[in-house]
């Protein structure tokens, strides 16, 4: 009965009940609401037909063939008694205030202290809880909220590091004022696990043809280490038919990132170079990235790990793309100011050129020591996502390749190599060995403790690496000592935070450190 619709806020008068046009309009509104809530509002059958319990292409193939025509909602969390306008207002407030809280909580301490003076204080836990509440609604706010959560938990930077799997302290639920929030307690907010996966699968069922939600499913697969499945899922859609240019760019870029974690550099380079015709973000970074991929392929050919008749082509492309990338700085970007990664590229290429001149080598690639593609892989969380096989290959490429620049044993290049090797060993399970490398070969080059006081040696050659090494040292302590080592882990994190400097990737590294400190504080 249309008159029972929650979207009619009052009882119709006898005259209104006889108005056929009004009744028809009310029925139309009621039908639109029913279809929207069931996912059948954009020409699809009810979303229940496409709802899966697992990620990946195989789960899609296992869906039942018999079609359900009933308009059933996908979640018990949807309040059918709430009017559409109320739903929209409440979800919008939860989303906006929640995201604001999370963003403020992630800001570096210096900025956070300034904001706190004027009353802005962020609570990450409360912010995440509000965003989660917004995602339960079937409207644009629910979609934006889920995208924000996906970026937070499973995005390319992953503010919550997989290796920092500290259990959160569980608060007494009897003191909770809102019983609806009991399921989103501290541990669940830190590691939502299946809850986040189910929320994403609901969106995939509601919007089966959306490239954006397919991309997020691929990201989640990648975050779980299922890299081949992530690439297969992204390959299942014709990228050329994606109408939204930003989504098309993200799809190609994410696929390229996943491919370098799989050491499939040829295809990764092709994907990245195709972005030059699609995206206006950073043509310099795209060009440098592709050159690094070809450099690694050439090195693999040199080591006999890869048989290809394109060895000379790889060498030529690597040299051309890496060293000409800086010529594109400031061009074809959506900002007039160079981006952080642009400044990173400029510094790296200048280092390569200086080393070539210093060594007097003819081949410019012989002036490059530690392969730069492994740095890029670290920036995009590759070491947490690689399988054992690919971690072993990474270790081999970092430790066994030789050229004049590597044999020169430049202390700065050795620091980068040793840092990445230590992380590789940790992910392979050789935690103590990795920690020893960090303690003996990396940290002493810029950090020491004298008379109980921390002393930093300020270096500028690779400024992202120094606070990063201190951050990773905290993770080693956690992996080696567990809960007993949390106080020491916090000390290392505070030291990482204390190595404050304005460098090209300071915001990214700083936010990761801040998130880790908050996690440790939550568990102490």
Protein backbone atom coordinates (compact mmCIF):
# COMPACT_ATOMS: atom_id res chain seq x y z
CA UNK A 1 0.00 0.00 0.00
CA UNK A 2 1.56 3.29 -1.11
CA UNK A 3 0.06 5.11 1.87
CA UNK A 4 2.25 3.07 4.20
CA UNK A 5 5.37 4.43 2.57
CA UNK A 6 7.76 5.97 5.09
CA UNK A 7 8.40 8.76 2.58
CA UNK A 8 4.88 10.16 3.12
CA UNK A 9 5.32 12.01 6.43
CA UNK A 10 1.61 12.46 7.23
CA UNK A 11 -1.73 10.72 6.80
CA UNK A 12 -3.43 11.60 3.53
CA UNK A 13 -6.77 13.40 3.69
CA UNK A 14 -9.87 11.76 2.14
CA UNK A 15 -9.57 14.14 -0.83
CA UNK A 16 -5.89 13.23 -1.37
CA UNK A 17 -6.74 9.54 -1.19
CA UNK A 18 -9.05 10.02 -4.19
CA UNK A 19 -6.45 11.94 -6.24
CA UNK A 20 -5.28 9.41 -8.87
CA UNK A 21 -2.28 11.51 -9.97
CA UNK A 22 -1.07 11.84 -6.38
CA UNK A 23 -1.54 8.13 -5.72
CA UNK A 24 0.29 7.24 -8.91
CA UNK A 25 3.18 9.54 -7.97
CA UNK A 26 3.31 8.07 -4.43
CA UNK A 27 3.38 4.56 -5.89
CA UNK A 28 6.19 5.56 -8.24
CA UNK A 29 8.26 6.97 -5.36
CA UNK A 30 7.63 3.83 -3.31
CA UNK A 31 8.72 1.63 -6.24
CA UNK A 32 11.89 3.68 -6.75
CA UNK A 33 12.79 3.30 -3.08
CA UNK A 34 12.19 -0.46 -3.13
CA UNK A 35 14.34 -0.92 -6.23
CA UNK A 36 17.10 1.31 -4.88
CA UNK A 37 17.33 -0.61 -1.62
CA UNK A 38 17.38 -3.96 -3.44
CA UNK A 39 19.89 -2.85 -6.09
CA UNK A 40 17.45 -3.15 -9.00
CA UNK A 41 17.17 0.58 -9.72
CA UNK A 42 19.55 0.89 -12.70
CA UNK A 43 18.18 -1.73 -15.05
CA UNK A 44 19.60 -4.71 -13.17
CA UNK A 45 17.87 -7.61 -11.50
CA UNK A 46 17.85 -7.51 -7.66
CA UNK A 47 21.41 -7.45 -6.32
CA UNK A 48 20.81 -10.61 -4.27
CA UNK A 49 21.41 -12.53 -7.52
CA UNK A 50 24.99 -11.26 -7.68
CA UNK A 51 25.90 -11.33 -3.99
CA UNK A 52 29.00 -13.46 -3.37
CA UNK A 53 30.58 -14.69 -0.20
CA UNK A 54 34.15 -14.61 -1.50
CA UNK A 55 36.40 -12.38 -3.60
CA UNK A 56 37.70 -13.19 -7.07
CA UNK A 57 36.55 -14.31 -10.49
CA UNK A 58 36.00 -17.92 -9.43
CA UNK A 59 33.38 -16.88 -6.87
CA UNK A 60 31.52 -15.04 -9.64
CA UNK A 61 31.40 -18.20 -11.72
CA UNK A 62 29.99 -20.15 -8.78
CA UNK A 63 26.88 -17.95 -8.41
CA UNK A 64 23.54 -19.84 -8.73
CA UNK A 65 21.92 -19.69 -12.17
CA UNK A 66 18.33 -19.42 -10.89
CA UNK A 67 17.28 -15.77 -10.77
CA UNK A 68 15.55 -14.25 -7.74
CA UNK A 69 12.94 -11.65 -8.63
CA UNK A 70 11.96 -10.60 -5.09
CA UNK A 71 13.25 -7.19 -4.06
CA UNK A 72 15.27 -8.20 -1.02
CA UNK A 73 17.71 -5.88 0.73
CA UNK A 74 21.27 -7.14 1.04
CA UNK A 75 21.83 -6.16 4.65
CA UNK A 76 19.88 -6.32 7.90
CA UNK A 77 21.51 -3.00 8.83
CA UNK A 78 19.19 -1.06 6.51
CA UNK A 79 16.38 0.58 8.49
CA UNK A 80 13.28 0.17 6.33
CA UNK A 81 11.30 2.41 8.67
CA UNK A 82 13.54 5.42 8.05
CA UNK A 83 12.40 7.99 5.49
CA UNK A 84 14.67 8.56 2.49
CA UNK A 85 15.38 12.20 3.40
CA UNK A 86 16.21 11.27 7.00
CA UNK A 87 18.46 8.48 5.76
CA UNK A 88 20.28 10.91 3.46
CA UNK A 89 20.77 13.55 6.16
CA UNK A 90 21.93 11.14 8.86
CA UNK A 91 24.34 9.27 6.60
CA UNK A 92 25.75 12.56 5.28
CA UNK A 93 26.47 13.84 8.78
CA UNK A 94 28.09 10.56 9.82
CA UNK A 95 30.24 10.48 6.68
CA UNK A 96 31.48 14.07 6.74
CA UNK A 97 32.17 14.30 10.46
CA UNK A 98 33.70 10.82 10.50
CA UNK A 99 36.13 11.51 7.66
CA UNK A 100 37.06 14.85 9.23
CA UNK A 101 37.89 13.07 12.51
CA UNK A 102 40.04 10.46 10.76
CA UNK A 103 41.93 12.99 8.65
CA UNK A 104 42.71 15.21 11.65
CA UNK A 105 43.91 12.17 13.60
CA UNK A 106 46.35 11.31 10.80
CA UNK A 107 47.91 14.76 10.56
CA UNK A 108 51.52 15.18 11.69
CA UNK A 109 51.85 16.33 15.32
CA UNK A 110 53.00 19.85 14.39
CA UNK A 111 49.86 20.54 12.37
CA UNK A 112 47.64 18.70 14.85
CA UNK A 113 48.92 20.88 17.69
CA UNK A 114 48.00 24.05 15.79
CA UNK A 115 44.50 22.74 15.02
CA UNK A 116 43.93 21.68 18.62
CA UNK A 117 44.40 25.30 19.72
CA UNK A 118 41.23 26.25 17.83
CA UNK A 119 39.32 23.18 19.01
CA UNK A 120 39.97 20.66 16.22
CA UNK A 121 40.80 17.30 17.75
CA UNK A 122 40.49 14.07 15.84
CA UNK A 123 39.56 10.67 17.22
CA UNK A 124 40.43 8.02 14.68
CA UNK A 125 38.35 5.34 16.40
CA UNK A 126 35.24 7.50 16.65
CA UNK A 127 35.75 8.79 13.11
CA UNK A 128 36.03 5.29 11.66
CA UNK A 129 32.95 4.21 13.59
CA UNK A 130 30.92 7.07 12.08
CA UNK A 131 32.13 6.31 8.55
CA UNK A 132 31.23 2.65 9.05
CA UNK A 133 27.75 3.71 10.14
CA UNK A 134 27.40 5.78 6.94
CA UNK A 135 28.36 2.80 4.75
CA UNK A 136 25.31 0.87 5.94
CA UNK A 137 23.04 3.20 3.93
CA UNK A 138 22.16 2.58 0.28
CA UNK A 139 22.98 6.04 -1.04
CA UNK A 140 25.89 8.11 -2.31
CA UNK A 141 27.16 8.70 1.23
CA UNK A 142 27.39 4.97 1.82
CA UNK A 143 29.42 4.57 -1.38
CA UNK A 144 31.81 7.42 -0.57
CA UNK A 145 32.23 6.10 2.97
CA UNK A 146 33.13 2.63 1.74
CA UNK A 147 35.61 4.09 -0.76
CA UNK A 148 37.25 6.01 2.09
CA UNK A 149 37.46 2.87 4.24
CA UNK A 150 38.87 0.87 1.34
CA UNK A 151 41.58 3.49 0.84
CA UNK A 152 42.35 3.52 4.56
CA UNK A 153 42.53 -0.24 5.09
CA UNK A 154 43.55 -1.60 1.68
CA UNK A 155 44.79 1.38 -0.29
CA UNK A 156 48.20 1.56 -1.95
CA UNK A 157 49.79 3.27 1.07
CA UNK A 158 47.93 1.21 3.70
CA UNK A 159 48.03 3.33 6.85
CA UNK A 160 47.60 0.14 8.90
CA UNK A 161 50.70 -1.95 8.14
CA UNK A 162 50.11 -5.72 7.91
CA UNK A 163 53.22 -6.46 9.96
CA UNK A 164 51.98 -4.24 12.79
CA UNK A 165 49.19 -6.67 13.66
CA UNK A 166 48.90 -5.53 17.27
CA UNK A 167 45.65 -6.57 18.95
CA UNK A 168 43.74 -3.55 20.21
CA UNK A 169 42.73 -3.23 23.84
CA UNK A 170 39.07 -4.17 24.20
CA UNK A 171 37.03 -1.61 26.10
CA UNK A 172 34.25 -2.58 28.47
CA UNK A 173 31.16 -2.67 26.28
CA UNK A 174 28.92 -2.12 29.31
CA UNK A 175 30.06 1.50 29.32
CA UNK A 176 29.05 2.01 25.71
CA UNK A 177 26.22 4.43 25.22
CA UNK A 178 25.30 3.14 21.79
CA UNK A 179 24.62 -0.58 21.62
CA UNK A 180 24.57 -0.40 17.81
CA UNK A 181 28.31 0.29 17.83
CA UNK A 182 29.26 -2.76 19.90
CA UNK A 183 30.25 -4.78 16.84
CA UNK A 184 32.63 -1.98 15.76
CA UNK A 185 34.88 -2.23 18.81
CA UNK A 186 38.58 -1.35 18.85
CA UNK A 187 39.95 -4.60 17.40
CA UNK A 188 37.31 -4.65 14.66
CA UNK A 189 38.07 -1.05 13.68
CA UNK A 190 41.76 -1.93 13.36
CA UNK A 191 41.21 -5.20 11.51
CA UNK A 192 37.69 -5.25 9.99
CA UNK A 193 38.56 -8.34 7.97
CA UNK A 194 35.47 -10.10 6.67
CA UNK A 195 33.21 -7.13 7.52
CA UNK A 196 35.04 -4.91 5.02
CA UNK A 197 35.12 -7.71 2.46
CA UNK A 198 31.36 -8.26 2.76
CA UNK A 199 30.68 -4.52 2.45
CA UNK A 200 32.70 -4.44 -0.77
CA UNK A 201 30.97 -7.54 -2.15
CA UNK A 202 27.61 -5.88 -1.53
CA UNK A 203 28.71 -2.87 -3.58
CA UNK A 204 29.93 -5.19 -6.34
CA UNK A 205 26.50 -6.83 -6.36
CA UNK A 206 24.70 -3.48 -6.41
CA UNK A 207 26.89 -2.03 -9.17
CA UNK A 208 28.06 -5.03 -11.23
CA UNK A 209 29.27 -2.94 -14.17
CA UNK A 210 31.16 -0.37 -12.11
CA UNK A 211 34.89 -0.29 -12.85
CA UNK A 212 35.49 1.60 -9.61
CA UNK A 213 34.19 -1.21 -7.39
CA UNK A 214 35.98 -3.82 -9.52
CA UNK A 215 39.20 -1.86 -8.96
CA UNK A 216 38.62 -1.90 -5.21
CA UNK A 217 38.02 -5.65 -5.24
CA UNK A 218 41.32 -6.05 -7.10
CA UNK A 219 43.02 -3.86 -4.49
CA UNK A 220 41.63 -6.01 -1.71
CA UNK A 221 42.87 -9.17 -3.44
CA UNK A 222 46.28 -7.53 -3.79
CA UNK A 223 46.24 -6.57 -0.11
CA UNK A 224 45.65 -10.23 0.76
CA UNK A 225 48.66 -11.26 -1.35
CA UNK A 226 46.50 -12.73 -4.12
CA UNK A 227 48.34 -10.74 -6.78
CA UNK A 228 47.69 -13.01 -9.77
CA UNK A 229 43.96 -12.99 -9.01
CA UNK A 230 44.01 -9.20 -8.72
CA UNK A 231 45.56 -8.86 -12.18
CA UNK A 232 43.11 -11.41 -13.63
CA UNK A 233 40.18 -9.45 -12.22
CA UNK A 234 41.46 -6.17 -13.67
CA UNK A 235 42.02 -7.93 -16.99
CA UNK A 236 38.38 -9.07 -17.00
CA UNK A 237 37.20 -5.57 -17.91
CA UNK A 238 37.93 -3.70 -21.14
CA UNK A 239 39.79 -0.67 -19.81
CA UNK A 240 39.27 1.24 -23.06
CA UNK A 241 35.51 1.25 -22.43
CA UNK A 242 35.75 2.89 -18.99
CA UNK A 243 34.20 6.30 -19.51
CA UNK A 244 35.49 8.04 -16.40
CA UNK A 245 39.08 8.99 -17.17
CA UNK A 246 40.16 9.09 -13.52
CA UNK A 247 38.95 5.53 -12.91
CA UNK A 248 40.61 4.35 -16.11
CA UNK A 249 43.91 5.90 -14.98
CA UNK A 250 43.65 4.34 -11.51
CA UNK A 251 42.86 0.93 -13.00
CA UNK A 252 45.92 0.98 -15.26
CA UNK A 253 48.21 2.41 -12.57
CA UNK A 254 47.12 -0.13 -9.95
CA UNK A 255 47.58 -2.96 -12.42
CA UNK A 256 51.10 -1.73 -13.18
CA UNK A 257 51.92 -1.55 -9.46
CA UNK A 258 50.61 -5.10 -8.95
CA UNK A 259 52.63 -6.31 -11.94
CA UNK A 260 55.91 -4.99 -10.50
CA UNK A 261 55.16 -6.89 -7.28
CA UNK A 262 54.93 -9.95 -9.57
CA UNK A 263 58.16 -8.96 -11.38
CA UNK A 264 56.27 -8.72 -14.67
CA UNK A 265 58.08 -5.56 -15.67
CA UNK A 266 57.47 -5.65 -19.42
CA UNK A 267 53.73 -5.39 -19.11
CA UNK A 268 53.96 -2.98 -16.18
CA UNK A 269 56.03 -0.59 -18.31
CA UNK A 270 53.53 -0.80 -21.16
CA UNK A 271 50.67 0.02 -18.79
CA UNK A 272 52.51 2.97 -17.27
CA UNK A 273 53.49 4.45 -20.63
CA UNK A 274 49.88 4.20 -21.81
CA UNK A 275 48.98 6.62 -19.02
CA UNK A 276 50.84 9.38 -20.84
CA UNK A 277 47.87 9.61 -23.21
CA UNK A 278 45.21 9.31 -20.50
CA UNK A 279 46.34 11.06 -17.34
CA UNK A 280 47.68 14.54 -16.62
CA UNK A 281 49.03 13.58 -13.20
CA UNK A 282 52.84 13.23 -13.48
CA UNK A 283 54.32 12.36 -16.83
CA UNK A 284 57.78 12.56 -15.30
CA UNK A 285 56.96 9.83 -12.77
CA UNK A 286 55.28 7.63 -15.39
CA UNK A 287 58.35 7.88 -17.61
CA UNK A 288 60.79 7.25 -14.76
CA UNK A 289 58.67 4.31 -13.51
CA UNK A 290 58.65 2.67 -16.95
CA UNK A 291 62.40 3.18 -17.28
CA UNK A 292 62.95 1.49 -13.91
CA UNK A 293 60.90 -1.50 -15.12
CA UNK A 294 63.02 -1.86 -18.25
CA UNK A 295 66.19 -1.48 -16.15
CA UNK A 296 65.14 -4.40 -13.95
CA UNK A 297 64.33 -6.53 -17.00
CA UNK A 298 67.78 -5.77 -18.42
CA UNK A 299 69.41 -6.73 -15.13
CA UNK A 300 67.44 -9.98 -15.02
CA UNK A 301 68.69 -10.76 -18.53
CA UNK A 302 72.25 -9.95 -17.39
CA UNK A 303 71.90 -12.39 -14.48
CA UNK A 304 70.41 -15.14 -16.62
CA UNK A 305 67.13 -15.03 -14.69
CA UNK A 306 65.24 -14.08 -17.82
CA UNK A 307 65.76 -15.18 -21.40
CA UNK A 308 64.76 -12.55 -23.93
CA UNK A 309 65.95 -11.30 -27.28
CA UNK A 310 64.93 -7.83 -26.11
CA UNK A 311 67.91 -7.36 -23.79
CA UNK A 312 69.45 -4.55 -25.86
CA UNK A 313 66.02 -2.96 -26.27
CA UNK A 314 65.50 -3.02 -22.51
CA UNK A 315 68.87 -1.33 -21.99
CA UNK A 316 68.12 1.38 -24.54
CA UNK A 317 64.62 2.08 -23.18
CA UNK A 318 65.80 2.12 -19.57
CA UNK A 319 68.53 4.64 -20.33
CA UNK A 320 66.27 6.85 -22.42
CA UNK A 321 63.26 6.87 -20.09
CA UNK A 322 65.07 7.25 -16.77
CA UNK A 323 67.38 10.05 -17.81
CA UNK A 324 64.84 12.00 -19.88
CA UNK A 325 62.08 11.80 -17.27
CA UNK A 326 63.33 14.94 -15.52
CA UNK A 327 62.77 16.92 -18.72
CA UNK A 328 59.02 16.45 -18.17
CA UNK A 329 58.98 17.99 -14.71
CA UNK A 330 56.43 20.78 -14.49
CA UNK A 331 54.79 19.72 -17.74
CA UNK A 332 51.44 18.00 -18.20
CA UNK A 333 50.60 17.94 -14.51
CA UNK A 334 47.40 19.02 -12.84
CA UNK A 335 49.40 21.34 -10.60
CA UNK A 336 51.89 24.00 -11.58
CA UNK A 337 54.03 22.98 -8.61
CA UNK A 338 56.07 19.79 -8.86
CA UNK A 339 54.58 16.87 -6.93
CA UNK A 340 56.47 15.09 -4.11
CA UNK A 341 57.35 12.16 -6.35
CA UNK A 342 58.57 14.60 -9.01
CA UNK A 343 61.09 16.03 -6.56
CA UNK A 344 62.06 12.48 -5.62
CA UNK A 345 62.72 11.66 -9.29
CA UNK A 346 64.80 14.80 -9.81
CA UNK A 347 67.01 13.90 -6.86
CA UNK A 348 67.44 10.28 -7.95
CA UNK A 349 68.35 11.10 -11.57
CA UNK A 350 70.86 13.71 -10.42
CA UNK A 351 72.41 11.04 -8.17
CA UNK A 352 72.66 8.61 -11.10
CA UNK A 353 74.31 11.22 -13.32
CA UNK A 354 76.78 12.24 -10.62
CA UNK A 355 77.76 8.61 -9.96
CA UNK A 356 78.28 8.00 -13.70
CA UNK A 357 80.66 10.97 -13.90
CA UNK A 358 82.45 9.93 -10.72
CA UNK A 359 83.04 6.38 -11.95
CA UNK A 360 83.75 7.39 -15.55
CA UNK A 361 81.59 4.59 -16.95
CA UNK A 362 80.32 4.65 -20.51
CA UNK A 363 76.95 3.01 -19.86
CA UNK A 364 74.76 5.38 -17.79
CA UNK A 365 72.95 2.38 -16.28
CA UNK A 366 76.21 1.33 -14.63
CA UNK A 367 75.92 4.48 -12.53
CA UNK A 368 72.76 3.14 -10.88
CA UNK A 369 73.38 0.97 -7.81
CA UNK A 370 70.29 -0.27 -5.96
CA UNK A 371 67.55 -0.85 -8.52
CA UNK A 372 65.06 2.02 -8.15
CA UNK A 373 62.05 -0.15 -8.99
CA UNK A 374 62.39 -1.75 -5.55
CA UNK A 375 62.02 1.66 -3.93
CA UNK A 376 58.81 2.21 -5.88
CA UNK A 377 57.59 -1.22 -4.82
CA UNK A 378 58.18 -0.28 -1.18
CA UNK A 379 56.31 3.02 -1.54
CA UNK A 380 53.27 1.06 -2.74
CA UNK A 381 53.45 -1.63 -0.05
CA UNK A 382 54.85 -4.33 -2.30
CA UNK A 383 56.88 -6.14 0.34
CA UNK A 384 53.75 -6.88 2.36
CA UNK A 385 52.02 -8.33 -0.70
CA UNK A 386 54.64 -10.44 -2.45
CA UNK A 387 54.57 -14.22 -2.19
CA UNK A 388 57.59 -16.11 -0.88
CA UNK A 389 58.68 -16.84 -4.46
CA UNK A 390 58.69 -13.17 -5.42
CA UNK A 391 60.34 -12.12 -2.17
CA UNK A 392 63.17 -14.56 -2.89
CA UNK A 393 63.55 -13.08 -6.39
CA UNK A 394 63.60 -9.57 -4.91
CA UNK A 395 66.31 -10.63 -2.47
CA UNK A 396 68.37 -12.13 -5.28
CA UNK A 397 68.11 -8.97 -7.40
CA UNK A 398 69.08 -6.77 -4.45
CA UNK A 399 72.04 -8.85 -3.25
CA UNK A 400 73.52 -10.67 -6.26
CA UNK A 401 73.52 -8.18 -9.15
CA UNK A 402 76.85 -6.44 -9.71
CA UNK A 403 77.90 -3.34 -11.64
CA UNK A 404 80.50 -0.57 -11.11
CA UNK A 405 78.13 1.56 -9.00
CA UNK A 406 77.34 -1.35 -6.67
CA UNK A 407 80.99 -2.41 -6.40
CA UNK A 408 81.90 1.17 -5.44
CA UNK A 409 80.06 0.47 -2.14
CA UNK A 410 78.62 3.97 -1.86
CA UNK A 411 77.39 4.26 1.73
CA UNK A 412 74.08 5.88 0.78
CA UNK A 413 73.26 3.27 -1.84
CA UNK A 414 74.29 0.50 0.53
CA UNK A 415 71.91 1.95 3.12
CA UNK A 416 68.95 1.74 0.71
CA UNK A 417 69.90 -1.80 -0.33
CA UNK A 418 70.36 -3.02 3.25
CA UNK A 419 67.08 -1.45 4.35
CA UNK A 420 65.15 -3.22 1.58
CA UNK A 421 66.98 -6.51 2.16
CA UNK A 422 66.12 -6.40 5.87
CA UNK A 423 62.42 -5.95 5.05
CA UNK A 424 62.58 -8.81 2.56
CA UNK A 425 64.11 -11.09 5.19
CA UNK A 426 61.43 -10.14 7.71
CA UNK A 427 58.67 -11.04 5.28
CA UNK A 428 60.45 -14.33 4.53
CA UNK A 429 60.41 -15.16 8.24
CA UNK A 430 64.11 -14.45 8.93
CA UNK A 431 63.21 -11.74 11.41
CA UNK A 432 66.34 -11.73 13.59
CA UNK A 433 68.63 -11.73 10.55
CA UNK A 434 66.76 -8.78 9.06
CA UNK A 435 66.85 -6.91 12.36
CA UNK A 436 70.61 -7.45 12.66
CA UNK A 437 71.16 -5.93 9.21
CA UNK A 438 69.09 -2.91 10.20
CA UNK A 439 70.95 -2.49 13.51
CA UNK A 440 74.45 -3.03 12.13
CA UNK A 441 74.39 -1.60 8.61
CA UNK A 442 71.56 0.94 8.39
CA UNK A 443 70.79 2.74 11.66
CA UNK A 444 74.39 3.60 12.67
CA UNK A 445 74.75 5.74 9.54
CA UNK A 446 72.31 8.37 10.79
CA UNK A 447 71.28 7.48 14.34
CA UNK A 448 72.96 6.82 17.67
CA UNK A 449 72.26 6.95 21.40
CA UNK A 450 74.87 8.81 23.45
CA UNK A 451 74.57 9.04 27.24
CA UNK A 452 70.95 7.99 26.99
CA UNK A 453 70.12 10.71 24.48
CA UNK A 454 69.16 10.20 20.86
CA UNK A 455 71.49 11.80 18.33
CA UNK A 456 70.51 12.15 14.67
CA UNK A 457 72.96 12.64 11.84
CA UNK A 458 71.00 14.74 9.37
CA UNK A 459 71.45 13.36 5.87
CA UNK A 460 69.86 14.53 2.62
CA UNK A 461 70.89 11.90 0.06
CA UNK A 462 67.75 9.75 0.48
CA UNK A 463 65.71 11.53 3.16
CA UNK A 464 62.71 9.18 3.03
CA UNK A 465 64.87 6.23 4.10
CA UNK A 466 65.97 7.50 7.51
CA UNK A 467 62.63 7.89 9.34
CA UNK A 468 61.42 4.83 7.40
CA UNK A 469 64.26 2.72 8.82
CA UNK A 470 63.38 3.82 12.37
CA UNK A 471 59.72 3.00 11.68
CA UNK A 472 60.62 -0.45 10.37
CA UNK A 473 62.84 -1.03 13.41
CA UNK A 474 59.72 -0.64 15.56
CA UNK A 475 58.05 -3.38 13.52
CA UNK A 476 61.04 -5.67 14.03
CA UNK A 477 60.75 -5.18 17.80
CA UNK A 478 57.06 -6.07 17.66
CA UNK A 479 57.72 -9.18 15.57
CA UNK A 480 60.53 -10.35 17.84
CA UNK A 481 59.10 -9.53 21.27
CA UNK A 482 55.34 -9.26 20.81
CA UNK A 483 53.30 -7.43 23.45
CA UNK A 484 56.31 -7.26 25.80
CA UNK A 485 58.14 -5.20 23.20
CA UNK A 486 55.43 -2.58 22.68
CA UNK A 487 57.07 0.07 24.91
CA UNK A 488 60.31 -0.30 22.94
CA UNK A 489 58.36 -0.24 19.66
CA UNK A 490 56.84 3.05 20.71
CA UNK A 491 60.31 4.42 21.47
CA UNK A 492 61.43 3.60 17.93
CA UNK A 493 58.30 5.18 16.47
CA UNK A 494 58.85 8.36 18.48
CA UNK A 495 62.44 8.42 17.22
CA UNK A 496 61.13 8.10 13.67
CA UNK A 497 58.76 10.95 14.35
CA UNK A 498 61.59 12.95 15.90
CA UNK A 499 63.62 12.69 12.70
CA UNK A 500 61.40 15.48 11.47
CA UNK A 501 62.30 17.10 8.21
CA UNK A 502 60.58 18.52 5.16
CA UNK A 503 61.43 16.09 2.39
CA UNK A 504 59.59 14.93 -0.72
CA UNK A 505 57.71 12.04 0.89
CA UNK A 506 57.47 13.42 4.44
CA UNK A 507 53.67 13.52 4.47
CA UNK A 508 53.30 9.89 3.39
CA UNK A 509 55.92 8.56 5.80
CA UNK A 510 54.76 10.85 8.61
CA UNK A 511 51.14 9.69 8.39
CA UNK A 512 52.23 6.06 8.50
CA UNK A 513 54.33 6.70 11.60
CA UNK A 514 51.50 8.61 13.26
CA UNK A 515 49.05 5.77 12.56
CA UNK A 516 51.47 3.25 14.08
CA UNK A 517 51.96 5.36 17.23
CA UNK A 518 48.20 5.60 17.70
CA UNK A 519 47.91 1.83 17.31
CA UNK A 520 50.59 1.18 19.92
CA UNK A 521 49.03 3.71 22.32
CA UNK A 522 45.68 1.97 21.89
CA UNK A 523 47.20 -1.34 23.00
CA UNK A 524 49.47 -0.22 25.84
